[in-house]
Amino acid sequence: QVQLVESGGGLVQPGGSLRLSCAASGIIFSIYTMGWYRQAPGKQRELVATITTGARTNYADSVKGRFTISRDNTKNTVYLQMNSLKPEDTAAYYCNANRNAIMNFWGKGALVTVSP
């Protein structure tokens, strides 16, 4: 059974930092592209960042220079370091593991709230 479990969300003030973690089980982690997506209330889910099996990264323009995605294949874990957080970063953040159209899995999400 595939499980992606996010942790590290919470309430933070504008300008603050958080680090999200996503622990994967039930998959061969190293062969999956891992990603973080987010969904704000009333909006569609959007890409935040992805990291390939070769550690190539891709970021949404809105988070470039502020967020960093990384992975540790020895721990089956992907991270999202979020710095200089803004109120518009408030959302549920979802971990994604993607191999192909069928082998595509989601976590249940972690809430991030950026507010004074």
Protein backbone atom coordinates (compact mmCIF):
# COMPACT_ATOMS: atom_id res chain seq x y z
CA GLN A 1 0.00 0.00 0.00
CA VAL A 2 1.39 3.36 -1.06
CA GLN A 3 1.48 6.05 1.59
CA LEU A 4 2.71 9.62 1.37
CA VAL A 5 2.59 11.37 4.73
CA GLU A 6 3.19 15.10 4.93
CA SER A 7 4.33 16.87 8.07
CA GLY A 8 5.65 20.24 9.14
CA GLY A 9 2.72 22.48 8.32
CA GLY A 10 1.37 25.10 10.69
CA LEU A 11 0.87 28.76 11.38
CA VAL A 12 3.69 31.19 10.65
CA GLN A 13 4.00 34.96 10.42
CA PRO A 14 4.77 36.68 7.13
CA GLY A 15 8.47 36.54 6.44
CA GLY A 16 8.86 33.35 8.43
CA SER A 17 9.98 29.87 7.40
CA LEU A 18 8.64 26.34 7.49
CA ARG A 19 9.95 23.02 6.27
CA LEU A 20 7.54 20.43 4.98
CA SER A 21 8.47 16.76 4.86
CA CYS A 22 6.83 13.92 2.99
CA ALA A 23 7.68 10.37 3.97
CA ALA A 24 6.90 7.76 1.34
CA SER A 25 6.29 4.05 1.76
CA GLY A 26 5.11 1.29 -0.52
CA ILE A 27 7.01 2.61 -3.55
CA ILE A 28 10.55 2.43 -4.87
CA PHE A 29 11.11 6.03 -3.93
CA SER A 30 14.24 6.61 -5.98
CA ILE A 31 12.51 6.01 -9.33
CA TYR A 32 9.75 8.55 -8.77
CA THR A 33 9.68 12.23 -9.58
CA MET A 34 8.51 13.89 -6.37
CA GLY A 35 6.59 17.09 -6.15
CA TRP A 36 4.77 19.54 -3.97
CA TYR A 37 1.48 21.07 -5.01
CA ARG A 38 -0.82 23.43 -3.15
CA GLN A 39 -4.46 24.37 -3.12
CA ALA A 40 -5.77 27.54 -1.58
CA PRO A 41 -9.45 27.87 -0.62
CA GLY A 42 -11.57 28.42 -3.70
CA LYS A 43 -8.66 27.84 -6.08
CA GLN A 44 -7.37 25.00 -8.19
CA ARG A 45 -4.45 22.85 -7.11
CA GLU A 46 -1.22 24.22 -8.53
CA LEU A 47 2.34 23.06 -8.91
CA VAL A 48 4.82 24.39 -6.37
CA ALA A 49 7.98 22.41 -7.11
CA THR A 50 9.18 19.10 -8.46
CA ILE A 51 12.41 17.13 -8.23
CA THR A 52 13.31 14.36 -10.64
CA THR A 53 15.13 11.11 -10.01
CA GLY A 54 18.28 12.92 -11.11
CA ALA A 55 17.60 15.78 -8.67
CA ARG A 56 16.63 18.25 -11.37
CA THR A 57 14.28 20.81 -9.85
CA ASN A 58 11.46 22.94 -11.20
CA TYR A 59 9.60 25.72 -9.41
CA ALA A 60 6.52 27.81 -9.90
CA ASP A 61 7.46 31.40 -10.65
CA SER A 62 5.66 32.53 -7.51
CA VAL A 63 8.03 30.61 -5.23
CA LYS A 64 11.35 30.83 -7.09
CA GLY A 65 14.11 32.09 -4.84
CA ARG A 66 12.04 31.48 -1.69
CA PHE A 67 11.30 27.73 -1.70
CA THR A 68 13.70 24.82 -2.09
CA ILE A 69 12.75 21.23 -2.83
CA SER A 70 15.10 18.39 -1.96
CA ARG A 71 15.00 14.65 -1.55
CA ASP A 72 16.76 12.03 0.53
CA ASN A 73 16.51 8.66 -1.17
CA THR A 74 18.00 6.92 1.86
CA LYS A 75 15.06 8.12 3.96
CA ASN A 76 12.37 7.94 1.24
CA THR A 77 11.59 11.55 2.04
CA VAL A 78 11.10 14.75 0.07
CA TYR A 79 11.33 18.18 1.65
CA LEU A 80 10.11 21.66 0.89
CA GLN A 81 11.98 24.46 2.62
CA MET A 82 9.83 27.57 2.53
CA ASN A 83 11.39 30.93 3.37
CA SER A 84 10.10 34.49 3.22
CA LEU A 85 6.56 33.23 3.45
CA LYS A 86 3.73 35.46 2.31
CA PRO A 87 0.01 35.40 3.13
CA GLU A 88 -0.65 34.24 -0.42
CA ASP A 89 1.33 31.06 0.33
CA THR A 90 -1.50 29.99 2.63
CA ALA A 91 -2.81 26.68 1.30
CA ALA A 92 -3.00 22.97 1.78
CA TYR A 93 0.28 21.50 0.50
CA TYR A 94 0.20 18.08 -1.10
CA CYS A 95 3.04 15.67 -1.75
CA ASN A 96 3.04 13.85 -5.08
CA ALA A 97 4.94 10.83 -6.35
CA ASN A 98 4.84 10.37 -10.10
CA ARG A 99 6.25 7.64 -12.32
CA ASN A 100 3.67 7.65 -15.10
CA ALA A 101 -0.07 8.19 -15.61
CA ILE A 102 -0.92 5.11 -13.55
CA MET A 103 1.81 5.25 -10.96
CA ASN A 104 0.85 8.64 -9.58
CA PHE A 105 0.15 9.06 -5.88
CA TRP A 106 -0.89 11.84 -3.51
CA GLY A 107 -0.61 12.54 0.17
CA LYS A 108 -3.50 13.86 2.24
CA GLY A 109 -2.02 17.31 2.60
CA ALA A 110 -0.55 19.62 5.21
CA LEU A 111 -2.01 23.02 6.03
CA VAL A 112 0.22 26.08 5.89
CA THR A 113 -1.21 29.34 7.17
CA VAL A 114 0.75 32.57 6.84
CA SER A 115 -0.82 35.27 8.96
CA PRO A 116 0.27 38.03 11.37
